[in-house]
Amino acid sequence: MLFILLSRLIGGFDLRVLLPFVGRTLLASGGMALVLFTLKTYLDHIIDTTSMPKLLLAGILMALAKLLLELSFGSLAFLVVARLLKMEEMHSGLVGRALKFLRIPWL
């Protein structure tokens, strides 16, 4: 709905330019989803953060560590797949500045 309203407001989009971007983004998101599903399944067998006795301070810290691992691996998976797909957006904006700042040559 918002896409239609914005399209009317600015006079339309060039879908030939937009669709490849959307396709590459969906592929990168699919790669990230696969990594996250695998990691979450593996971590759920190792770290149990759902039972009540474990929800004390140690359990909360373990859940936080698990969340940070999933966030890190998911972000890295998206960036790697986006780089493999040669997404132009990897070199512009906030992502481009962050990668230049971190000096990660393989991304």
PDB file of N, CA and C in Angstrom:
ATOM      1  N   MET A   1       0.809  -1.181   0.000  1.00  0.00           N
ATOM      2  CA  MET A   1       0.000   0.000   0.000  1.00  0.00           C
ATOM      3  C   MET A   1       0.863   1.259   0.000  1.00  0.00           C
ATOM      4  N   LEU A   2       1.883   1.278   0.881  1.00  0.00           N
ATOM      5  CA  LEU A   2       2.767   2.439   0.920  1.00  0.00           C
ATOM      6  C   LEU A   2       3.546   2.596  -0.388  1.00  0.00           C
ATOM      7  N   PHE A   3       3.907   1.472  -0.999  1.00  0.00           N
ATOM      8  CA  PHE A   3       4.616   1.514  -2.273  1.00  0.00           C
ATOM      9  C   PHE A   3       3.762   2.200  -3.334  1.00  0.00           C
ATOM     10  N   ILE A   4       2.483   1.879  -3.368  1.00  0.00           N
ATOM     11  CA  ILE A   4       1.567   2.475  -4.352  1.00  0.00           C
ATOM     12  C   ILE A   4       1.398   3.970  -4.084  1.00  0.00           C
ATOM     13  N   LEU A   5       1.228   4.333  -2.808  1.00  0.00           N
ATOM     14  CA  LEU A   5       1.080   5.749  -2.468  1.00  0.00           C
ATOM     15  C   LEU A   5       2.337   6.543  -2.819  1.00  0.00           C
ATOM     16  N   LEU A   6       3.488   5.992  -2.508  1.00  0.00           N
ATOM     17  CA  LEU A   6       4.735   6.676  -2.834  1.00  0.00           C
ATOM     18  C   LEU A   6       4.931   6.773  -4.340  1.00  0.00           C
ATOM     19  N   SER A   7       4.566   5.732  -5.054  1.00  0.00           N
ATOM     20  CA  SER A   7       4.670   5.753  -6.509  1.00  0.00           C
ATOM     21  C   SER A   7       3.807   6.850  -7.107  1.00  0.00           C
ATOM     22  N   ARG A   8       2.612   6.997  -6.591  1.00  0.00           N
ATOM     23  CA  ARG A   8       1.727   8.061  -7.080  1.00  0.00           C
ATOM     24  C   ARG A   8       2.272   9.440  -6.728  1.00  0.00           C
ATOM     25  N   LEU A   9       2.855   9.560  -5.540  1.00  0.00           N
ATOM     26  CA  LEU A   9       3.354  10.841  -5.069  1.00  0.00           C
ATOM     27  C   LEU A   9       4.534  11.342  -5.896  1.00  0.00           C
ATOM     28  N   ILE A  10       5.462  10.429  -6.231  1.00  0.00           N
ATOM     29  CA  ILE A  10       6.655  10.869  -6.956  1.00  0.00           C
ATOM     30  C   ILE A  10       6.565  10.633  -8.457  1.00  0.00           C
ATOM     31  N   GLY A  11       5.470  10.081  -8.915  1.00  0.00           N
ATOM     32  CA  GLY A  11       5.288   9.920 -10.353  1.00  0.00           C
ATOM     33  C   GLY A  11       5.759   8.596 -10.909  1.00  0.00           C
ATOM     34  N   GLY A  12       5.855   7.576 -10.082  1.00  0.00           N
ATOM     35  CA  GLY A  12       6.189   6.236 -10.566  1.00  0.00           C
ATOM     36  C   GLY A  12       7.632   5.843 -10.322  1.00  0.00           C
ATOM     37  N   PHE A  13       7.866   4.554 -10.401  1.00  0.00           N
ATOM     38  CA  PHE A  13       9.193   3.970 -10.238  1.00  0.00           C
ATOM     39  C   PHE A  13       9.603   3.302 -11.536  1.00  0.00           C
ATOM     40  N   ASP A  14      10.895   3.230 -11.759  1.00  0.00           N
ATOM     41  CA  ASP A  14      11.415   2.453 -12.884  1.00  0.00           C
ATOM     42  C   ASP A  14      11.651   1.027 -12.374  1.00  0.00           C
ATOM     43  N   LEU A  15      10.697   0.145 -12.623  1.00  0.00           N
ATOM     44  CA  LEU A  15      10.760  -1.208 -12.074  1.00  0.00           C
ATOM     45  C   LEU A  15      11.902  -2.032 -12.661  1.00  0.00           C
ATOM     46  N   ARG A  16      12.383  -1.676 -13.841  1.00  0.00           N
ATOM     47  CA  ARG A  16      13.522  -2.408 -14.417  1.00  0.00           C
ATOM     48  C   ARG A  16      14.770  -2.226 -13.571  1.00  0.00           C
ATOM     49  N   VAL A  17      14.878  -1.112 -12.888  1.00  0.00           N
ATOM     50  CA  VAL A  17      16.012  -0.865 -12.003  1.00  0.00           C
ATOM     51  C   VAL A  17      15.739  -1.442 -10.624  1.00  0.00           C
ATOM     52  N   LEU A  18      14.509  -1.385 -10.183  1.00  0.00           N
ATOM     53  CA  LEU A  18      14.149  -1.788  -8.833  1.00  0.00           C
ATOM     54  C   LEU A  18      14.100  -3.306  -8.649  1.00  0.00           C
ATOM     55  N   LEU A  19      13.619  -4.041  -9.634  1.00  0.00           N
ATOM     56  CA  LEU A  19      13.444  -5.488  -9.486  1.00  0.00           C
ATOM     57  C   LEU A  19      14.748  -6.263  -9.283  1.00  0.00           C
ATOM     58  N   PRO A  20      15.843  -5.952  -9.992  1.00  0.00           N
ATOM     59  CA  PRO A  20      17.091  -6.674  -9.689  1.00  0.00           C
ATOM     60  C   PRO A  20      17.579  -6.441  -8.256  1.00  0.00           C
ATOM     61  N   PHE A  21      17.405  -5.226  -7.764  1.00  0.00           N
ATOM     62  CA  PHE A  21      17.777  -4.937  -6.378  1.00  0.00           C
ATOM     63  C   PHE A  21      16.948  -5.768  -5.409  1.00  0.00           C
ATOM     64  N   VAL A  22      15.651  -5.824  -5.650  1.00  0.00           N
ATOM     65  CA  VAL A  22      14.765  -6.604  -4.777  1.00  0.00           C
ATOM     66  C   VAL A  22      15.136  -8.090  -4.847  1.00  0.00           C
ATOM     67  N   GLY A  23      15.446  -8.588  -6.028  1.00  0.00           N
ATOM     68  CA  GLY A  23      15.840  -9.991  -6.179  1.00  0.00           C
ATOM     69  C   GLY A  23      17.119 -10.318  -5.436  1.00  0.00           C
ATOM     70  N   ARG A  24      18.130  -9.451  -5.566  1.00  0.00           N
ATOM     71  CA  ARG A  24      19.396  -9.687  -4.847  1.00  0.00           C
ATOM     72  C   ARG A  24      19.192  -9.597  -3.337  1.00  0.00           C
ATOM     73  N   THR A  25      18.352  -8.672  -2.906  1.00  0.00           N
ATOM     74  CA  THR A  25      18.072  -8.544  -1.479  1.00  0.00           C
ATOM     75  C   THR A  25      17.355  -9.783  -0.952  1.00  0.00           C
ATOM     76  N   LEU A  26      16.418 -10.316  -1.727  1.00  0.00           N
ATOM     77  CA  LEU A  26      15.725 -11.539  -1.312  1.00  0.00           C
ATOM     78  C   LEU A  26      16.677 -12.730  -1.242  1.00  0.00           C
ATOM     79  N   LEU A  27      17.600 -12.830  -2.195  1.00  0.00           N
ATOM     80  CA  LEU A  27      18.586 -13.916  -2.154  1.00  0.00           C
ATOM     81  C   LEU A  27      19.500 -13.791  -0.938  1.00  0.00           C
ATOM     82  N   ALA A  28      19.965 -12.582  -0.650  1.00  0.00           N
ATOM     83  CA  ALA A  28      20.810 -12.367   0.519  1.00  0.00           C
ATOM     84  C   ALA A  28      20.039 -12.657   1.803  1.00  0.00           C
ATOM     85  N   SER A  29      18.771 -12.279   1.837  1.00  0.00           N
ATOM     86  CA  SER A  29      17.937 -12.561   3.010  1.00  0.00           C
ATOM     87  C   SER A  29      17.704 -14.062   3.171  1.00  0.00           C
ATOM     88  N   GLY A  30      17.556 -14.767   2.055  1.00  0.00           N
ATOM     89  CA  GLY A  30      17.407 -16.219   2.116  1.00  0.00           C
ATOM     90  C   GLY A  30      18.652 -16.899   2.652  1.00  0.00           C
ATOM     91  N   GLY A  31      19.826 -16.423   2.228  1.00  0.00           N
ATOM     92  CA  GLY A  31      21.080 -16.961   2.766  1.00  0.00           C
ATOM     93  C   GLY A  31      21.195 -16.705   4.259  1.00  0.00           C
ATOM     94  N   MET A  32      20.817 -15.505   4.677  1.00  0.00           N
ATOM     95  CA  MET A  32      20.849 -15.177   6.096  1.00  0.00           C
ATOM     96  C   MET A  32      19.875 -16.057   6.870  1.00  0.00           C
ATOM     97  N   ALA A  33      18.685 -16.276   6.325  1.00  0.00           N
ATOM     98  CA  ALA A  33      17.683 -17.111   6.997  1.00  0.00           C
ATOM     99  C   ALA A  33      18.181 -18.542   7.159  1.00  0.00           C
ATOM    100  N   LEU A  34      18.845 -19.060   6.141  1.00  0.00           N
ATOM    101  CA  LEU A  34      19.390 -20.422   6.219  1.00  0.00           C
ATOM    102  C   LEU A  34      20.448 -20.528   7.315  1.00  0.00           C
ATOM    103  N   VAL A  35      21.349 -19.556   7.370  1.00  0.00           N
ATOM    104  CA  VAL A  35      22.384 -19.554   8.407  1.00  0.00           C
ATOM    105  C   VAL A  35      21.761 -19.432   9.791  1.00  0.00           C
ATOM    106  N   LEU A  36      20.788 -18.525   9.931  1.00  0.00           N
ATOM    107  CA  LEU A  36      20.163 -18.325  11.240  1.00  0.00           C
ATOM    108  C   LEU A  36      19.366 -19.542  11.692  1.00  0.00           C
ATOM    109  N   PHE A  37      18.665 -20.183  10.771  1.00  0.00           N
ATOM    110  CA  PHE A  37      17.901 -21.376  11.133  1.00  0.00           C
ATOM    111  C   PHE A  37      18.836 -22.494  11.597  1.00  0.00           C
ATOM    112  N   THR A  38      19.921 -22.685  10.866  1.00  0.00           N
ATOM    113  CA  THR A  38      20.885 -23.720  11.240  1.00  0.00           C
ATOM    114  C   THR A  38      21.532 -23.411  12.584  1.00  0.00           C
ATOM    115  N   LEU A  39      21.963 -22.168  12.761  1.00  0.00           N
ATOM    116  CA  LEU A  39      22.619 -21.775  14.012  1.00  0.00           C
ATOM    117  C   LEU A  39      21.656 -21.868  15.189  1.00  0.00           C
ATOM    118  N   LYS A  40      20.436 -21.404  15.024  1.00  0.00           N
ATOM    119  CA  LYS A  40      19.466 -21.452  16.115  1.00  0.00           C
ATOM    120  C   LYS A  40      19.145 -22.888  16.501  1.00  0.00           C
ATOM    121  N   THR A  41      18.987 -23.749  15.513  1.00  0.00           N
ATOM    122  CA  THR A  41      18.716 -25.160  15.803  1.00  0.00           C
ATOM    123  C   THR A  41      19.872 -25.776  16.577  1.00  0.00           C
ATOM    124  N   TYR A  42      21.095 -25.475  16.173  1.00  0.00           N
ATOM    125  CA  TYR A  42      22.284 -26.004  16.837  1.00  0.00           C
ATOM    126  C   TYR A  42      22.407 -25.445  18.252  1.00  0.00           C
ATOM    127  N   LEU A  43      22.228 -24.135  18.404  1.00  0.00           N
ATOM    128  CA  LEU A  43      22.379 -23.511  19.720  1.00  0.00           C
ATOM    129  C   LEU A  43      21.272 -23.922  20.683  1.00  0.00           C
ATOM    130  N   ASP A  44      20.075 -24.194  20.166  1.00  0.00           N
ATOM    131  CA  ASP A  44      18.980 -24.625  21.037  1.00  0.00           C
ATOM    132  C   ASP A  44      19.278 -25.965  21.691  1.00  0.00           C
ATOM    133  N   HIS A  45      20.064 -26.817  21.034  1.00  0.00           N
ATOM    134  CA  HIS A  45      20.444 -28.102  21.626  1.00  0.00           C
ATOM    135  C   HIS A  45      21.560 -27.932  22.652  1.00  0.00           C
ATOM    136  N   ILE A  46      22.352 -26.897  22.516  1.00  0.00           N
ATOM    137  CA  ILE A  46      23.477 -26.686  23.427  1.00  0.00           C
ATOM    138  C   ILE A  46      23.084 -25.807  24.618  1.00  0.00           C
ATOM    139  N   ILE A  47      22.403 -24.706  24.337  1.00  0.00           N
ATOM    140  CA  ILE A  47      22.057 -23.734  25.368  1.00  0.00           C
ATOM    141  C   ILE A  47      20.546 -23.697  25.533  1.00  0.00           C
ATOM    142  N   ASP A  48      20.073 -24.161  26.676  1.00  0.00           N
ATOM    143  CA  ASP A  48      18.640 -24.144  26.953  1.00  0.00           C
ATOM    144  C   ASP A  48      18.312 -22.862  27.706  1.00  0.00           C
ATOM    145  N   THR A  49      17.596 -21.972  27.060  1.00  0.00           N
ATOM    146  CA  THR A  49      17.237 -20.700  27.700  1.00  0.00           C
ATOM    147  C   THR A  49      15.731 -20.584  27.905  1.00  0.00           C
ATOM    148  N   THR A  50      15.013 -21.696  27.812  1.00  0.00           N
ATOM    149  CA  THR A  50      13.553 -21.618  27.903  1.00  0.00           C
ATOM    150  C   THR A  50      12.987 -22.181  29.199  1.00  0.00           C
ATOM    151  N   SER A  51      13.738 -22.984  29.940  1.00  0.00           N
ATOM    152  CA  SER A  51      13.180 -23.563  31.163  1.00  0.00           C
ATOM    153  C   SER A  51      13.262 -22.553  32.309  1.00  0.00           C
ATOM    154  N   MET A  52      12.315 -22.613  33.207  1.00  0.00           N
ATOM    155  CA  MET A  52      12.181 -21.613  34.263  1.00  0.00           C
ATOM    156  C   MET A  52      13.390 -21.511  35.197  1.00  0.00           C
ATOM    157  N   PRO A  53      13.991 -22.612  35.664  1.00  0.00           N
ATOM    158  CA  PRO A  53      15.128 -22.443  36.577  1.00  0.00           C
ATOM    159  C   PRO A  53      16.322 -21.728  35.931  1.00  0.00           C
ATOM    160  N   LYS A  54      16.401 -21.771  34.634  1.00  0.00           N
ATOM    161  CA  LYS A  54      17.543 -21.165  33.954  1.00  0.00           C
ATOM    162  C   LYS A  54      17.329 -19.684  33.660  1.00  0.00           C
ATOM    163  N   LEU A  55      16.165 -19.134  34.014  1.00  0.00           N
ATOM    164  CA  LEU A  55      15.889 -17.750  33.696  1.00  0.00           C
ATOM    165  C   LEU A  55      16.369 -16.788  34.778  1.00  0.00           C
ATOM    166  N   LEU A  56      17.258 -17.228  35.618  1.00  0.00           N
ATOM    167  CA  LEU A  56      17.881 -16.328  36.577  1.00  0.00           C
ATOM    168  C   LEU A  56      18.958 -15.534  35.838  1.00  0.00           C
ATOM    169  N   LEU A  57      19.827 -14.875  36.563  1.00  0.00           N
ATOM    170  CA  LEU A  57      20.824 -14.005  35.946  1.00  0.00           C
ATOM    171  C   LEU A  57      21.702 -14.758  34.940  1.00  0.00           C
ATOM    172  N   ALA A  58      22.144 -15.948  35.298  1.00  0.00           N
ATOM    173  CA  ALA A  58      22.986 -16.726  34.386  1.00  0.00           C
ATOM    174  C   ALA A  58      22.221 -17.079  33.110  1.00  0.00           C
ATOM    175  N   GLY A  59      20.949 -17.425  33.263  1.00  0.00           N
ATOM    176  CA  GLY A  59      20.125 -17.754  32.103  1.00  0.00           C
ATOM    177  C   GLY A  59      19.912 -16.551  31.199  1.00  0.00           C
ATOM    178  N   ILE A  60      19.718 -15.389  31.820  1.00  0.00           N
ATOM    179  CA  ILE A  60      19.545 -14.172  31.026  1.00  0.00           C
ATOM    180  C   ILE A  60      20.826 -13.845  30.269  1.00  0.00           C
ATOM    181  N   LEU A  61      21.957 -14.007  30.926  1.00  0.00           N
ATOM    182  CA  LEU A  61      23.240 -13.753  30.260  1.00  0.00           C
ATOM    183  C   LEU A  61      23.486 -14.742  29.117  1.00  0.00           C
ATOM    184  N   MET A  62      23.097 -16.008  29.322  1.00  0.00           N
ATOM    185  CA  MET A  62      23.246 -17.003  28.255  1.00  0.00           C
ATOM    186  C   MET A  62      22.321 -16.684  27.080  1.00  0.00           C
ATOM    187  N   ALA A  63      21.098 -16.240  27.381  1.00  0.00           N
ATOM    188  CA  ALA A  63      20.169 -15.859  26.318  1.00  0.00           C
ATOM    189  C   ALA A  63      20.704 -14.650  25.555  1.00  0.00           C
ATOM    190  N   LEU A  64      21.312 -13.702  26.261  1.00  0.00           N
ATOM    191  CA  LEU A  64      21.895 -12.534  25.611  1.00  0.00           C
ATOM    192  C   LEU A  64      23.075 -12.941  24.726  1.00  0.00           C
ATOM    193  N   ALA A  65      23.916 -13.839  25.228  1.00  0.00           N
ATOM    194  CA  ALA A  65      25.052 -14.315  24.428  1.00  0.00           C
ATOM    195  C   ALA A  65      24.560 -15.037  23.178  1.00  0.00           C
ATOM    196  N   LYS A  66      23.522 -15.840  23.336  1.00  0.00           N
ATOM    197  CA  LYS A  66      22.937 -16.562  22.203  1.00  0.00           C
ATOM    198  C   LYS A  66      22.371 -15.584  21.173  1.00  0.00           C
ATOM    199  N   LEU A  67      21.689 -14.547  21.638  1.00  0.00           N
ATOM    200  CA  LEU A  67      21.141 -13.531  20.757  1.00  0.00           C
ATOM    201  C   LEU A  67      22.246 -12.790  20.007  1.00  0.00           C
ATOM    202  N   LEU A  68      23.325 -12.442  20.704  1.00  0.00           N
ATOM    203  CA  LEU A  68      24.438 -11.744  20.059  1.00  0.00           C
ATOM    204  C   LEU A  68      25.125 -12.622  19.014  1.00  0.00           C
ATOM    205  N   LEU A  69      25.257 -13.914  19.300  1.00  0.00           N
ATOM    206  CA  LEU A  69      25.821 -14.843  18.311  1.00  0.00           C
ATOM    207  C   LEU A  69      24.940 -14.902  17.067  1.00  0.00           C
ATOM    208  N   GLU A  70      23.642 -15.022  17.271  1.00  0.00           N
ATOM    209  CA  GLU A  70      22.724 -15.092  16.135  1.00  0.00           C
ATOM    210  C   GLU A  70      22.731 -13.796  15.337  1.00  0.00           C
ATOM    211  N   LEU A  71      22.769 -12.682  16.019  1.00  0.00           N
ATOM    212  CA  LEU A  71      22.818 -11.391  15.345  1.00  0.00           C
ATOM    213  C   LEU A  71      24.104 -11.234  14.536  1.00  0.00           C
ATOM    214  N   SER A  72      25.219 -11.626  15.123  1.00  0.00           N
ATOM    215  CA  SER A  72      26.508 -11.508  14.436  1.00  0.00           C
ATOM    216  C   SER A  72      26.583 -12.407  13.202  1.00  0.00           C
ATOM    217  N   PHE A  73      26.213 -13.668  13.371  1.00  0.00           N
ATOM    218  CA  PHE A  73      26.292 -14.599  12.248  1.00  0.00           C
ATOM    219  C   PHE A  73      25.284 -14.253  11.159  1.00  0.00           C
ATOM    220  N   GLY A  74      24.087 -13.804  11.549  1.00  0.00           N
ATOM    221  CA  GLY A  74      23.082 -13.420  10.565  1.00  0.00           C
ATOM    222  C   GLY A  74      23.529 -12.213   9.759  1.00  0.00           C
ATOM    223  N   SER A  75      24.065 -11.203  10.436  1.00  0.00           N
ATOM    224  CA  SER A  75      24.556 -10.007   9.736  1.00  0.00           C
ATOM    225  C   SER A  75      25.708 -10.348   8.814  1.00  0.00           C
ATOM    226  N   LEU A  76      26.635 -11.147   9.305  1.00  0.00           N
ATOM    227  CA  LEU A  76      27.779 -11.537   8.487  1.00  0.00           C
ATOM    228  C   LEU A  76      27.334 -12.338   7.267  1.00  0.00           C
ATOM    229  N   ALA A  77      26.374 -13.240   7.450  1.00  0.00           N
ATOM    230  CA  ALA A  77      25.874 -14.034   6.324  1.00  0.00           C
ATOM    231  C   ALA A  77      25.245 -13.137   5.272  1.00  0.00           C
ATOM    232  N   PHE A  78      24.441 -12.163   5.700  1.00  0.00           N
ATOM    233  CA  PHE A  78      23.819 -11.250   4.748  1.00  0.00           C
ATOM    234  C   PHE A  78      24.883 -10.458   3.992  1.00  0.00           C
ATOM    235  N   LEU A  79      25.871  -9.944   4.698  1.00  0.00           N
ATOM    236  CA  LEU A  79      26.912  -9.142   4.053  1.00  0.00           C
ATOM    237  C   LEU A  79      27.738  -9.963   3.065  1.00  0.00           C
ATOM    238  N   VAL A  80      28.055 -11.192   3.428  1.00  0.00           N
ATOM    239  CA  VAL A  80      28.848 -12.050   2.533  1.00  0.00           C
ATOM    240  C   VAL A  80      28.056 -12.376   1.268  1.00  0.00           C
ATOM    241  N   VAL A  81      26.788 -12.757   1.420  1.00  0.00           N
ATOM    242  CA  VAL A  81      25.975 -13.087   0.249  1.00  0.00           C
ATOM    243  C   VAL A  81      25.753 -11.836  -0.599  1.00  0.00           C
ATOM    244  N   ALA A  82      25.526 -10.696   0.043  1.00  0.00           N
ATOM    245  CA  ALA A  82      25.357  -9.448  -0.701  1.00  0.00           C
ATOM    246  C   ALA A  82      26.630  -9.109  -1.474  1.00  0.00           C
ATOM    247  N   ARG A  83      27.767  -9.376  -0.895  1.00  0.00           N
ATOM    248  CA  ARG A  83      29.046  -9.129  -1.582  1.00  0.00           C
ATOM    249  C   ARG A  83      29.205 -10.086  -2.771  1.00  0.00           C
ATOM    250  N   LEU A  84      28.841 -11.338  -2.580  1.00  0.00           N
ATOM    251  CA  LEU A  84      28.938 -12.310  -3.672  1.00  0.00           C
ATOM    252  C   LEU A  84      28.005 -11.959  -4.823  1.00  0.00           C
ATOM    253  N   LEU A  85      26.869 -11.352  -4.502  1.00  0.00           N
ATOM    254  CA  LEU A  85      25.906 -10.944  -5.529  1.00  0.00           C
ATOM    255  C   LEU A  85      26.251  -9.573  -6.123  1.00  0.00           C
ATOM    256  N   LYS A  86      27.340  -8.988  -5.642  1.00  0.00           N
ATOM    257  CA  LYS A  86      27.823  -7.685  -6.131  1.00  0.00           C
ATOM    258  C   LYS A  86      26.752  -6.601  -6.025  1.00  0.00           C
ATOM    259  N   MET A  87      26.157  -6.505  -4.856  1.00  0.00           N
ATOM    260  CA  MET A  87      25.162  -5.464  -4.624  1.00  0.00           C
ATOM    261  C   MET A  87      25.867  -4.117  -4.542  1.00  0.00           C
ATOM    262  N   GLU A  88      25.422  -3.176  -5.338  1.00  0.00           N
ATOM    263  CA  GLU A  88      26.025  -1.844  -5.363  1.00  0.00           C
ATOM    264  C   GLU A  88      25.870  -1.137  -4.026  1.00  0.00           C
ATOM    265  N   GLU A  89      24.821  -1.439  -3.304  1.00  0.00           N
ATOM    266  CA  GLU A  89      24.527  -0.778  -2.040  1.00  0.00           C
ATOM    267  C   GLU A  89      25.549  -1.105  -0.959  1.00  0.00           C
ATOM    268  N   MET A  90      26.366  -2.121  -1.191  1.00  0.00           N
ATOM    269  CA  MET A  90      27.414  -2.474  -0.221  1.00  0.00           C
ATOM    270  C   MET A  90      28.494  -1.396  -0.141  1.00  0.00           C
ATOM    271  N   HIS A  91      28.591  -0.571  -1.161  1.00  0.00           N
ATOM    272  CA  HIS A  91      29.658   0.422  -1.207  1.00  0.00           C
ATOM    273  C   HIS A  91      29.159   1.834  -0.964  1.00  0.00           C
ATOM    274  N   SER A  92      27.899   1.991  -0.608  1.00  0.00           N
ATOM    275  CA  SER A  92      27.363   3.333  -0.403  1.00  0.00           C
ATOM    276  C   SER A  92      26.667   3.407   0.947  1.00  0.00           C
ATOM    277  N   GLY A  93      26.437   4.593   1.419  1.00  0.00           N
ATOM    278  CA  GLY A  93      25.690   4.810   2.642  1.00  0.00           C
ATOM    279  C   GLY A  93      26.405   4.314   3.884  1.00  0.00           C
ATOM    280  N   LEU A  94      25.627   3.966   4.871  1.00  0.00           N
ATOM    281  CA  LEU A  94      26.153   3.552   6.166  1.00  0.00           C
ATOM    282  C   LEU A  94      26.965   2.267   6.080  1.00  0.00           C
ATOM    283  N   VAL A  95      26.501   1.312   5.288  1.00  0.00           N
ATOM    284  CA  VAL A  95      27.221   0.036   5.157  1.00  0.00           C
ATOM    285  C   VAL A  95      28.594   0.272   4.546  1.00  0.00           C
ATOM    286  N   GLY A  96      28.664   1.064   3.492  1.00  0.00           N
ATOM    287  CA  GLY A  96      29.946   1.360   2.859  1.00  0.00           C
ATOM    288  C   GLY A  96      30.912   2.051   3.803  1.00  0.00           C
ATOM    289  N   ARG A  97      30.412   3.028   4.566  1.00  0.00           N
ATOM    290  CA  ARG A  97      31.278   3.725   5.516  1.00  0.00           C
ATOM    291  C   ARG A  97      31.748   2.802   6.624  1.00  0.00           C
ATOM    292  N   ALA A  98      30.860   1.924   7.121  1.00  0.00           N
ATOM    293  CA  ALA A  98      31.241   0.998   8.185  1.00  0.00           C
ATOM    294  C   ALA A  98      32.292   0.011   7.695  1.00  0.00           C
ATOM    295  N   LEU A  99      32.144  -0.493   6.475  1.00  0.00           N
ATOM    296  CA  LEU A  99      33.133  -1.442   5.943  1.00  0.00           C
ATOM    297  C   LEU A  99      34.477  -0.770   5.703  1.00  0.00           C
ATOM    298  N   LYS A 100      34.456   0.481   5.264  1.00  0.00           N
ATOM    299  CA  LYS A 100      35.717   1.215   5.101  1.00  0.00           C
ATOM    300  C   LYS A 100      36.366   1.470   6.446  1.00  0.00           C
ATOM    301  N   PHE A 101      35.574   1.800   7.452  1.00  0.00           N
ATOM    302  CA  PHE A 101      36.094   2.065   8.785  1.00  0.00           C
ATOM    303  C   PHE A 101      36.709   0.808   9.386  1.00  0.00           C
ATOM    304  N   LEU A 102      36.039  -0.332   9.222  1.00  0.00           N
ATOM    305  CA  LEU A 102      36.521  -1.585   9.791  1.00  0.00           C
ATOM    306  C   LEU A 102      37.667  -2.194   8.987  1.00  0.00           C
ATOM    307  N   ARG A 103      37.873  -1.721   7.770  1.00  0.00           N
ATOM    308  CA  ARG A 103      38.947  -2.195   6.882  1.00  0.00           C
ATOM    309  C   ARG A 103      38.909  -3.731   6.716  1.00  0.00           C
ATOM    310  N   ILE A 104      37.770  -4.199   6.273  1.00  0.00           N
ATOM    311  CA  ILE A 104      37.605  -5.631   6.017  1.00  0.00           C
ATOM    312  C   ILE A 104      37.732  -5.828   4.507  1.00  0.00           C
ATOM    313  N   PRO A 105      38.878  -6.287   4.016  1.00  0.00           N
ATOM    314  CA  PRO A 105      39.094  -6.339   2.572  1.00  0.00           C
ATOM    315  C   PRO A 105      38.233  -7.374   1.847  1.00  0.00           C
ATOM    316  N   TRP A 106      37.830  -8.440   2.491  1.00  0.00           N
ATOM    317  CA  TRP A 106      37.076  -9.474   1.794  1.00  0.00           C
ATOM    318  C   TRP A 106      35.589  -9.145   1.734  1.00  0.00           C
ATOM    319  N   LEU A 107      35.176  -8.046   2.357  1.00  0.00           N
ATOM    320  CA  LEU A 107      33.799  -7.596   2.203  1.00  0.00           C
ATOM    321  C   LEU A 107      33.847  -6.346   1.379  1.00  0.00           C
TER     322      LEU A 107
END
